[in-house]
Amino acid sequence: MQRENPQSAESVSPAFPIVVSPALAVAGRPADPLGRPLAGYTPPEDATAVRLLRAAGAEFAGNPRAAELAFGLVGDTTARTLKETGSAAALGLDTRGEVRLAAAAAGLIGYRPSWGIFSRSGVIGLVPSMEAIGLVAKKVSTIGKLAALLAVPDPADFSMRRDLPQFPGPAPAAPPRLGLVGECRSGLSPEESGALGRAVGSLGERGFAVTEVSLPEYDLFSLVHRIVGPVEASSAAGNYDGVRFGPRAGDAANWNEMYLNTRSEIFTPLVKSYLFQGAFFQFRDYPAFENAARLRRRLAGAAGKLFREFDFLVFPALRPAPDPAKAGTVAETAAAFLHAIPAAVLGAPAITLPGYAREGGRDFGLQLIGPPLADAALLRFAGRLSPADSEPGERERQ
């Protein structure tokens, strides 16, 4: 039987301001910031995550914008709004690493949970099997409190896992074993390589040795995401037909022409090209999608073997180019999120931490990925590494 979450509403009250991305439905708040496909649409009820936070006494601050249909980070202001409003945390949608990279760019902490532990009911997204509600905050302890509130069963989301993690979880019996996938070094610029080296060195100075390991098919993570993601998005975007909400093309001779004209007009070139790719694999090369699904399973098996030897894997986060906030094509988006994509493909928990991967006056962010459902252990370790969580007594509350 699923245990009830012991976290009380007092955990975030009183006056606990939170920024909520437009990718999560908030009753009465227009969804226009998600782009033209949702122009004029106002959600009639809260997403489950929003409802849970309201019940816990949270207050919602700011009016952030997001990329069109939460695809990438172009135009996203969620992390910036958190800073501007002085809010304690922000909720966003992490499909390929948006929450983690936005946090890293803002000098904040970004956490993506294991897939299926936070309800996606009320989420406006494109890739159901890879997207998860992510959290941004200044402290890991804040993220831990919110995770405890959100990781509860929801009958409205049939995809949720039954074996939900309990937060904060038991203290580890031994120091964590850290692995660095050697293949992720391939293609790193001098800046990226220097930042990763500094991060590994900083972990070593704190007593956490990092062992280089091999995942020979590492490059396939991006390939799987670039095939499975568009196919799911092409199906999910079928709702944007100009009938139920959003703008509708007026110069059409019949219903079919109206559908085609509407979908041609409402999407930007970036999202439109992503959907075209998905339609191609759905209707012209479906075997490629089937092979990508098999590869995804194989990659999960290979990563699972590593996680039997290591508690967490260390990865780079931000890249100097292309900038994820400016990536204007599908290829640029894939390149910008290259090292954030594995967690999405695996459905694994991941977190980015500031202050470790500095090079050339820039903080590239340190990324840690754990095995699915190891969220509590990952947050405990991240709390030990986070300078913002170093105040007396803070670590004990992780």
Protein backbone atom coordinates (compact mmCIF):
# COMPACT_ATOMS: atom_id res chain seq x y z
CA MET A 1 0.00 0.00 0.00
CA GLN A 2 1.28 3.46 -0.86
CA ARG A 3 2.20 5.42 2.24
CA GLU A 4 0.82 8.87 2.70
CA ASN A 5 3.44 11.60 2.52
CA PRO A 6 4.23 12.81 6.04
CA GLN A 7 5.20 16.32 4.91
CA SER A 8 2.79 18.85 6.42
CA ALA A 9 1.39 22.02 4.91
CA GLU A 10 3.42 23.98 7.44
CA SER A 11 6.54 23.02 5.49
CA VAL A 12 6.20 25.92 3.08
CA SER A 13 4.04 28.40 4.93
CA PRO A 14 3.66 31.19 5.73
CA ALA A 15 4.36 33.44 2.75
CA PHE A 16 6.34 30.97 0.67
CA PRO A 17 6.47 32.61 -2.80
CA ILE A 18 6.89 30.29 -5.80
CA VAL A 19 7.19 31.04 -9.50
CA VAL A 20 5.21 28.69 -11.74
CA SER A 21 6.04 28.32 -15.42
CA PRO A 22 3.11 28.69 -17.85
CA ALA A 23 3.81 25.05 -18.78
CA LEU A 24 1.83 24.19 -15.62
CA ALA A 25 -1.85 25.09 -15.58
CA VAL A 26 -2.89 27.71 -13.03
CA ALA A 27 -6.65 28.25 -12.84
CA GLY A 28 -7.63 31.63 -14.26
CA ARG A 29 -4.14 32.46 -15.57
CA PRO A 30 -3.97 32.75 -19.38
CA ALA A 31 -1.67 30.25 -21.07
CA ASP A 32 -0.69 32.76 -23.77
CA PRO A 33 2.98 32.90 -22.65
CA LEU A 34 3.39 29.37 -24.06
CA GLY A 35 2.95 30.74 -27.57
CA ARG A 36 0.34 31.30 -30.25
CA PRO A 37 -1.07 27.73 -30.15
CA LEU A 38 -2.52 28.57 -26.71
CA ALA A 39 -3.57 32.16 -27.42
CA GLY A 40 -6.82 32.96 -25.66
CA TYR A 41 -6.81 29.78 -23.58
CA THR A 42 -7.24 30.03 -19.81
CA PRO A 43 -6.98 26.79 -17.79
CA PRO A 44 -10.18 26.14 -15.79
CA GLU A 45 -8.31 24.36 -12.97
CA ASP A 46 -4.91 24.00 -11.41
CA ALA A 47 -2.34 21.39 -12.33
CA THR A 48 -2.03 18.83 -9.53
CA ALA A 49 1.37 20.22 -8.51
CA VAL A 50 -0.09 23.72 -8.25
CA ARG A 51 -3.04 22.45 -6.23
CA LEU A 52 -0.73 20.68 -3.78
CA LEU A 53 1.34 23.81 -3.32
CA ARG A 54 -1.74 25.96 -2.75
CA ALA A 55 -2.89 23.54 -0.05
CA ALA A 56 0.54 23.83 1.58
CA GLY A 57 0.24 27.62 1.81
CA ALA A 58 2.42 28.63 -1.13
CA GLU A 59 1.90 31.98 -2.83
CA PHE A 60 2.49 32.37 -6.58
CA ALA A 61 4.68 35.24 -7.72
CA GLY A 62 5.57 36.84 -11.02
CA ASN A 63 4.37 36.21 -14.54
CA PRO A 64 7.10 34.14 -16.22
CA ARG A 65 7.25 33.30 -19.88
CA ALA A 66 8.31 30.04 -21.48
CA ALA A 67 9.52 28.85 -24.84
CA GLU A 68 6.78 27.90 -27.29
CA LEU A 69 5.06 24.81 -25.83
CA ALA A 70 8.02 24.62 -23.39
CA PHE A 71 10.32 23.43 -26.21
CA GLY A 72 13.81 24.55 -25.21
CA LEU A 73 14.70 27.79 -23.45
CA VAL A 74 14.26 30.50 -26.08
CA GLY A 75 12.19 33.20 -24.38
CA ASP A 76 11.98 31.37 -21.04
CA THR A 77 12.14 33.71 -18.02
CA THR A 78 11.27 31.32 -15.17
CA ALA A 79 14.66 31.37 -13.41
CA ARG A 80 15.04 35.11 -13.98
CA THR A 81 11.59 35.75 -12.53
CA LEU A 82 12.57 33.77 -9.43
CA LYS A 83 15.50 36.11 -8.86
CA GLU A 84 13.56 39.29 -9.67
CA THR A 85 10.69 38.46 -7.31
CA GLY A 86 12.89 37.09 -4.52
CA SER A 87 10.86 33.89 -4.59
CA ALA A 88 11.96 30.76 -2.77
CA ALA A 89 11.62 28.42 -5.75
CA ALA A 90 10.27 27.95 -9.26
CA LEU A 91 8.50 25.12 -11.06
CA GLY A 92 9.14 24.42 -14.71
CA LEU A 93 9.02 21.62 -17.25
CA ASP A 94 12.21 19.64 -17.87
CA THR A 95 11.97 17.67 -21.12
CA ARG A 96 15.55 17.74 -22.36
CA GLY A 97 17.15 19.68 -19.49
CA GLU A 98 15.37 23.06 -19.54
CA VAL A 99 15.02 23.40 -15.77
CA ARG A 100 18.57 22.27 -15.05
CA LEU A 101 20.25 24.47 -17.64
CA ALA A 102 18.14 27.52 -16.84
CA ALA A 103 19.13 27.15 -13.19
CA ALA A 104 22.80 26.68 -14.07
CA ALA A 105 22.79 29.83 -16.20
CA ALA A 106 21.24 31.79 -13.31
CA GLY A 107 23.63 30.46 -10.66
CA LEU A 108 20.84 28.48 -9.00
CA ILE A 109 20.15 24.80 -8.29
CA GLY A 110 18.04 22.88 -10.79
CA TYR A 111 16.49 19.49 -10.07
CA ARG A 112 14.73 17.04 -12.35
CA PRO A 113 12.98 14.20 -10.47
CA SER A 114 12.70 10.58 -11.52
CA TRP A 115 10.03 10.25 -14.18
CA GLY A 116 6.66 9.39 -12.71
CA ILE A 117 7.09 10.61 -9.11
CA PHE A 118 5.47 14.04 -9.65
CA SER A 119 2.01 14.14 -11.23
CA ARG A 120 1.93 15.54 -14.77
CA SER A 121 -1.79 16.22 -14.60
CA GLY A 122 -2.25 19.79 -15.80
CA VAL A 123 1.15 19.94 -17.54
CA ILE A 124 1.20 21.50 -21.00
CA GLY A 125 4.03 19.68 -22.75
CA LEU A 126 5.06 17.79 -25.85
CA VAL A 127 7.00 14.65 -24.87
CA PRO A 128 5.09 12.71 -22.19
CA SER A 129 7.59 9.89 -21.68
CA MET A 130 10.50 12.26 -21.05
CA GLU A 131 9.06 15.39 -19.46
CA ALA A 132 8.96 15.97 -15.71
CA ILE A 133 8.14 18.91 -13.48
CA GLY A 134 11.47 20.32 -12.34
CA LEU A 135 12.38 22.60 -9.46
CA VAL A 136 14.71 25.60 -9.26
CA ALA A 137 15.82 27.12 -5.94
CA LYS A 138 18.71 28.74 -4.12
CA LYS A 139 18.94 25.85 -1.64
CA VAL A 140 18.75 22.10 -1.96
CA SER A 141 16.80 22.03 1.31
CA THR A 142 14.03 24.05 -0.36
CA ILE A 143 13.91 21.59 -3.23
CA GLY A 144 13.72 18.72 -0.74
CA LYS A 145 10.70 20.24 1.00
CA LEU A 146 8.88 20.76 -2.28
CA ALA A 147 9.76 17.28 -3.51
CA ALA A 148 8.22 15.82 -0.36
CA LEU A 149 5.01 17.73 -1.07
CA LEU A 150 4.81 16.77 -4.74
CA ALA A 151 5.77 13.09 -4.62
CA VAL A 152 2.32 11.83 -3.69
CA PRO A 153 -0.17 9.61 -5.58
CA ASP A 154 -2.55 11.26 -8.02
CA PRO A 155 -5.45 9.29 -9.57
CA ALA A 156 -5.56 11.89 -12.37
CA ASP A 157 -2.18 10.72 -13.70
CA PHE A 158 -2.19 7.03 -14.57
CA SER A 159 1.50 7.17 -15.54
CA MET A 160 2.69 7.85 -11.98
CA ARG A 161 4.85 5.25 -10.31
CA ARG A 162 3.52 3.36 -7.32
CA ASP A 163 6.89 3.06 -5.59
CA LEU A 164 7.34 6.74 -4.78
CA PRO A 165 10.50 7.76 -2.91
CA GLN A 166 10.20 9.08 0.62
CA PHE A 167 11.89 12.35 1.48
CA PRO A 168 14.28 13.14 3.07
CA GLY A 169 15.25 9.46 3.19
CA PRO A 170 17.85 7.71 5.38
CA ALA A 171 21.38 9.05 5.79
CA PRO A 172 23.95 7.19 3.66
CA ALA A 173 26.11 4.58 5.38
CA ALA A 174 29.17 5.40 3.27
CA PRO A 175 30.45 8.21 1.04
CA PRO A 176 28.88 8.06 -2.43
CA ARG A 177 30.77 6.47 -5.31
CA LEU A 178 31.04 8.90 -8.23
CA GLY A 179 31.63 7.99 -11.87
CA LEU A 180 32.47 10.20 -14.84
CA VAL A 181 31.43 8.83 -18.23
CA GLY A 182 34.60 9.21 -20.29
CA GLU A 183 32.68 9.40 -23.58
CA CYS A 184 31.10 12.70 -22.53
CA ARG A 185 34.55 14.30 -22.89
CA SER A 186 34.46 13.75 -26.65
CA GLY A 187 33.91 17.01 -28.46
CA LEU A 188 34.27 19.23 -25.40
CA SER A 189 35.68 22.66 -26.10
CA PRO A 190 38.73 23.81 -24.09
CA GLU A 191 36.40 25.84 -21.88
CA GLU A 192 34.10 22.89 -21.23
CA SER A 193 37.00 20.55 -20.59
CA GLY A 194 38.58 23.01 -18.17
CA ALA A 195 35.30 23.51 -16.31
CA LEU A 196 34.74 19.76 -16.00
CA GLY A 197 38.30 19.27 -14.75
CA ARG A 198 37.81 21.95 -12.11
CA ALA A 199 34.57 20.34 -10.96
CA VAL A 200 36.20 16.91 -10.62
CA GLY A 201 39.12 18.50 -8.78
CA SER A 202 36.79 20.35 -6.40
CA LEU A 203 34.94 17.13 -5.59
CA GLY A 204 38.25 15.42 -4.89
CA GLU A 205 39.31 18.22 -2.57
CA ARG A 206 36.12 17.62 -0.59
CA GLY A 207 36.93 13.95 -0.25
CA PHE A 208 34.76 12.57 -3.06
CA ALA A 209 36.88 10.70 -5.57
CA VAL A 210 35.60 10.54 -9.14
CA THR A 211 36.38 7.45 -11.21
CA GLU A 212 36.29 7.61 -15.01
CA VAL A 213 34.03 4.92 -16.48
CA SER A 214 32.92 3.94 -19.96
CA LEU A 215 29.50 4.03 -21.58
CA PRO A 216 30.39 3.22 -25.21
CA GLU A 217 26.99 4.14 -26.65
CA TYR A 218 26.78 7.52 -24.93
CA ASP A 219 26.25 9.33 -28.25
CA LEU A 220 23.02 7.39 -28.79
CA PHE A 221 21.22 9.26 -26.00
CA SER A 222 20.89 12.30 -28.24
CA LEU A 223 19.85 10.18 -31.22
CA VAL A 224 17.10 8.45 -29.22
CA HIS A 225 15.77 11.79 -27.98
CA ARG A 226 15.80 13.23 -31.50
CA ILE A 227 13.58 10.40 -32.79
CA VAL A 228 11.32 9.48 -29.85
CA GLY A 229 10.79 13.11 -28.80
CA PRO A 230 9.46 14.42 -32.12
CA VAL A 231 7.17 11.41 -32.59
CA GLU A 232 5.56 11.97 -29.20
CA ALA A 233 5.39 15.71 -29.85
CA SER A 234 3.72 15.21 -33.21
CA SER A 235 0.99 13.18 -31.51
CA ALA A 236 0.63 15.55 -28.54
CA ALA A 237 0.35 18.60 -30.80
CA GLY A 238 -2.71 17.14 -32.48
CA ASN A 239 -4.78 19.05 -29.92
CA TYR A 240 -3.78 22.35 -31.51
CA ASP A 241 -6.23 22.25 -34.39
CA GLY A 242 -8.09 25.56 -34.01
CA VAL A 243 -11.30 23.85 -32.89
CA ARG A 244 -11.26 23.77 -29.09
CA PHE A 245 -8.96 26.71 -28.35
CA GLY A 246 -6.34 28.92 -29.91
CA PRO A 247 -6.46 30.83 -33.19
CA ARG A 248 -8.19 29.37 -36.24
CA ALA A 249 -7.35 29.99 -39.88
CA GLY A 250 -10.26 31.73 -41.59
CA ASP A 251 -9.50 31.26 -45.30
CA ALA A 252 -10.44 27.60 -45.59
CA ALA A 253 -12.93 25.91 -47.92
CA ASN A 254 -13.56 22.94 -45.61
CA TRP A 255 -12.69 21.49 -42.20
CA ASN A 256 -9.64 19.59 -43.42
CA GLU A 257 -8.21 22.69 -45.04
CA MET A 258 -8.90 24.64 -41.86
CA TYR A 259 -6.91 22.10 -39.80
CA LEU A 260 -3.97 22.27 -42.21
CA ASN A 261 -3.96 26.07 -42.50
CA THR A 262 -4.31 26.56 -38.75
CA ARG A 263 -1.43 24.26 -37.90
CA SER A 264 0.67 25.90 -40.59
CA GLU A 265 0.10 29.36 -39.12
CA ILE A 266 0.25 28.89 -35.35
CA PHE A 267 3.64 27.19 -34.88
CA THR A 268 7.02 28.92 -35.13
CA PRO A 269 9.60 27.42 -37.53
CA LEU A 270 11.47 25.75 -34.63
CA VAL A 271 8.50 23.82 -33.28
CA LYS A 272 7.07 23.22 -36.74
CA SER A 273 10.28 21.56 -37.92
CA TYR A 274 10.31 19.42 -34.76
CA LEU A 275 6.75 18.28 -35.47
CA PHE A 276 7.61 17.59 -39.12
CA GLN A 277 10.38 15.28 -37.98
CA GLY A 278 7.95 13.44 -35.73
CA ALA A 279 5.42 13.05 -38.53
CA PHE A 280 8.15 11.70 -40.81
CA PHE A 281 9.11 8.95 -38.35
CA GLN A 282 5.45 8.18 -37.65
CA PHE A 283 4.31 7.79 -41.24
CA ARG A 284 7.37 7.36 -43.45
CA ASP A 285 10.01 5.62 -41.31
CA TYR A 286 8.28 4.02 -38.34
CA PRO A 287 10.97 1.28 -38.06
CA ALA A 288 13.41 4.04 -37.08
CA PHE A 289 11.14 4.93 -34.16
CA GLU A 290 10.90 1.28 -33.14
CA ASN A 291 14.68 0.98 -33.26
CA ALA A 292 15.05 4.14 -31.17
CA ALA A 293 12.71 2.66 -28.56
CA ARG A 294 14.85 -0.49 -28.47
CA LEU A 295 18.00 1.61 -28.16
CA ARG A 296 16.42 3.49 -25.27
CA ARG A 297 15.88 0.23 -23.44
CA ARG A 298 19.45 -0.87 -24.19
CA LEU A 299 20.86 2.42 -22.89
CA ALA A 300 18.82 2.03 -19.71
CA GLY A 301 20.34 -1.42 -19.23
CA ALA A 302 23.88 -0.12 -19.76
CA ALA A 303 23.33 2.78 -17.36
CA GLY A 304 21.82 0.37 -14.84
CA LYS A 305 25.05 -1.63 -14.81
CA LEU A 306 27.01 1.54 -14.03
CA PHE A 307 24.62 2.43 -11.24
CA ARG A 308 25.33 -0.92 -9.62
CA GLU A 309 28.93 0.21 -9.24
CA PHE A 310 28.42 3.93 -8.68
CA ASP A 311 25.84 5.92 -6.74
CA PHE A 312 25.91 8.97 -9.03
CA LEU A 313 27.34 9.91 -12.40
CA VAL A 314 29.03 13.26 -13.01
CA PHE A 315 28.31 15.19 -16.21
CA PRO A 316 28.88 18.65 -17.68
CA ALA A 317 25.85 20.93 -17.82
CA LEU A 318 25.94 24.18 -19.83
CA ARG A 319 27.83 24.47 -23.10
CA PRO A 320 29.48 27.66 -24.39
CA ALA A 321 27.88 27.19 -27.81
CA PRO A 322 25.19 26.93 -28.86
CA ASP A 323 23.59 28.86 -26.03
CA PRO A 324 20.39 26.99 -25.02
CA ALA A 325 18.60 30.32 -24.56
CA LYS A 326 19.31 31.21 -28.20
CA ALA A 327 19.15 27.83 -29.96
CA GLY A 328 16.96 28.52 -32.99
CA THR A 329 16.94 25.17 -34.77
CA VAL A 330 16.26 21.57 -33.76
CA ALA A 331 19.93 20.70 -34.32
CA GLU A 332 21.14 23.62 -32.19
CA THR A 333 18.71 22.67 -29.43
CA ALA A 334 19.95 19.08 -29.42
CA ALA A 335 23.57 20.27 -29.26
CA ALA A 336 22.90 22.77 -26.48
CA PHE A 337 21.21 20.16 -24.29
CA LEU A 338 23.60 17.34 -25.21
CA HIS A 339 24.70 16.42 -21.68
CA ALA A 340 21.32 17.04 -20.06
CA ILE A 341 19.48 14.64 -22.38
CA PRO A 342 20.62 11.31 -20.80
CA ALA A 343 18.59 11.90 -17.62
CA ALA A 344 15.48 12.56 -19.72
CA VAL A 345 15.96 9.41 -21.79
CA LEU A 346 16.56 7.31 -18.65
CA GLY A 347 13.81 8.92 -16.56
CA ALA A 348 16.49 9.42 -13.91
CA PRO A 349 16.84 12.12 -11.24
CA ALA A 350 19.41 14.83 -11.95
CA ILE A 351 20.58 18.04 -10.36
CA THR A 352 22.82 20.94 -11.40
CA LEU A 353 24.90 22.79 -8.84
CA PRO A 354 26.65 26.17 -9.23
CA GLY A 355 30.16 27.01 -8.10
CA TYR A 356 32.07 23.89 -9.14
CA ALA A 357 32.58 24.09 -12.90
CA ARG A 358 34.06 27.56 -13.39
CA GLU A 359 36.29 28.42 -16.31
CA GLY A 360 37.11 31.69 -18.03
CA GLY A 361 34.94 33.70 -15.68
CA ARG A 362 31.86 31.58 -16.40
CA ASP A 363 30.08 28.95 -14.34
CA PHE A 364 29.10 25.99 -16.52
CA GLY A 365 27.33 24.09 -13.73
CA LEU A 366 28.05 20.64 -12.33
CA GLN A 367 25.47 17.97 -13.11
CA LEU A 368 24.86 14.83 -11.07
CA ILE A 369 22.60 11.99 -12.24
CA GLY A 370 21.37 9.12 -10.06
CA PRO A 371 19.52 5.89 -10.80
CA PRO A 372 15.71 6.09 -11.08
CA LEU A 373 14.03 6.60 -7.69
CA ALA A 374 17.30 7.58 -5.95
CA ASP A 375 15.98 11.13 -5.60
CA ALA A 376 16.26 11.36 -1.82
CA ALA A 377 19.86 10.15 -1.83
CA LEU A 378 20.74 12.53 -4.67
CA LEU A 379 19.28 15.52 -2.81
CA ARG A 380 21.08 14.55 0.38
CA PHE A 381 24.42 14.46 -1.41
CA ALA A 382 23.72 17.66 -3.33
CA GLY A 383 22.90 19.34 -0.01
CA ARG A 384 26.36 18.42 1.26
CA LEU A 385 27.92 20.03 -1.82
CA SER A 386 25.78 23.18 -1.90
CA PRO A 387 27.36 26.22 -0.18
CA ALA A 388 23.89 27.73 0.30
CA ASP A 389 22.97 24.73 2.45
CA SER A 390 26.00 25.02 4.73
CA GLU A 391 24.37 27.08 7.48
CA PRO A 392 24.43 25.45 10.93
CA GLY A 393 21.83 22.70 11.14
CA GLU A 394 20.90 22.89 7.47
CA ARG A 395 22.66 19.70 6.43
CA GLU A 396 20.92 17.72 9.14
CA ARG A 397 17.57 18.74 7.68
CA GLN A 398 18.43 17.37 4.21
